[in-house]
Amino acid sequence: MKNKHLSPSRWKKLANQRWLFLLCFLLGFLSWQAIRKNISHKMTISDISIELSLPENWSIWEISAKKIDVEFRGSWEDLRYLNKEQLRIVIPILNPSTNGQLKITLSDKYLKNPTRAKAIHFTPPDIVIKLDQIKK
């Protein structure tokens, strides 16, 4: 049965080629830096509108912000196609509580974004919505 481990002579051969390992590591690091530099541009889009999807018999009484600023990260190509008219925040409210007040932390799941740019920061980060139940 053969030994599955490297023999001492193979370890010596690998140790003599440390420069090759160093070169591979250096090339990998430089490649990652070039990729990161290309995809990490930032851009802020202001005044993105908020849309609320409410159940029947509920109405909006008060909302803490009607427009949101969103900071995006991506390549220049991704950021170039960002358009304020195509961006919107849609918040579905399925089961409002009886007191009618909700605090919602904004995230990507509410943002309708047709581009590949990633939203990284929302200003304000959360909104407070006060709802009123319509009595018939």
Foldseek 3Di string as FASTA:
>chain_A
DDDPDDDPVVVVVVVVVVVVVVVVVVVVVVVVVVVCVQFFDKDKDWFAAEAEAEDPQKDFPDKQDGGKIWMWTTGPVQVVPDDSVQKHFYHYDDDADPQQKDKAFDAPVRIRTPTPIHTDDMVVRIMMTGMDGHDD
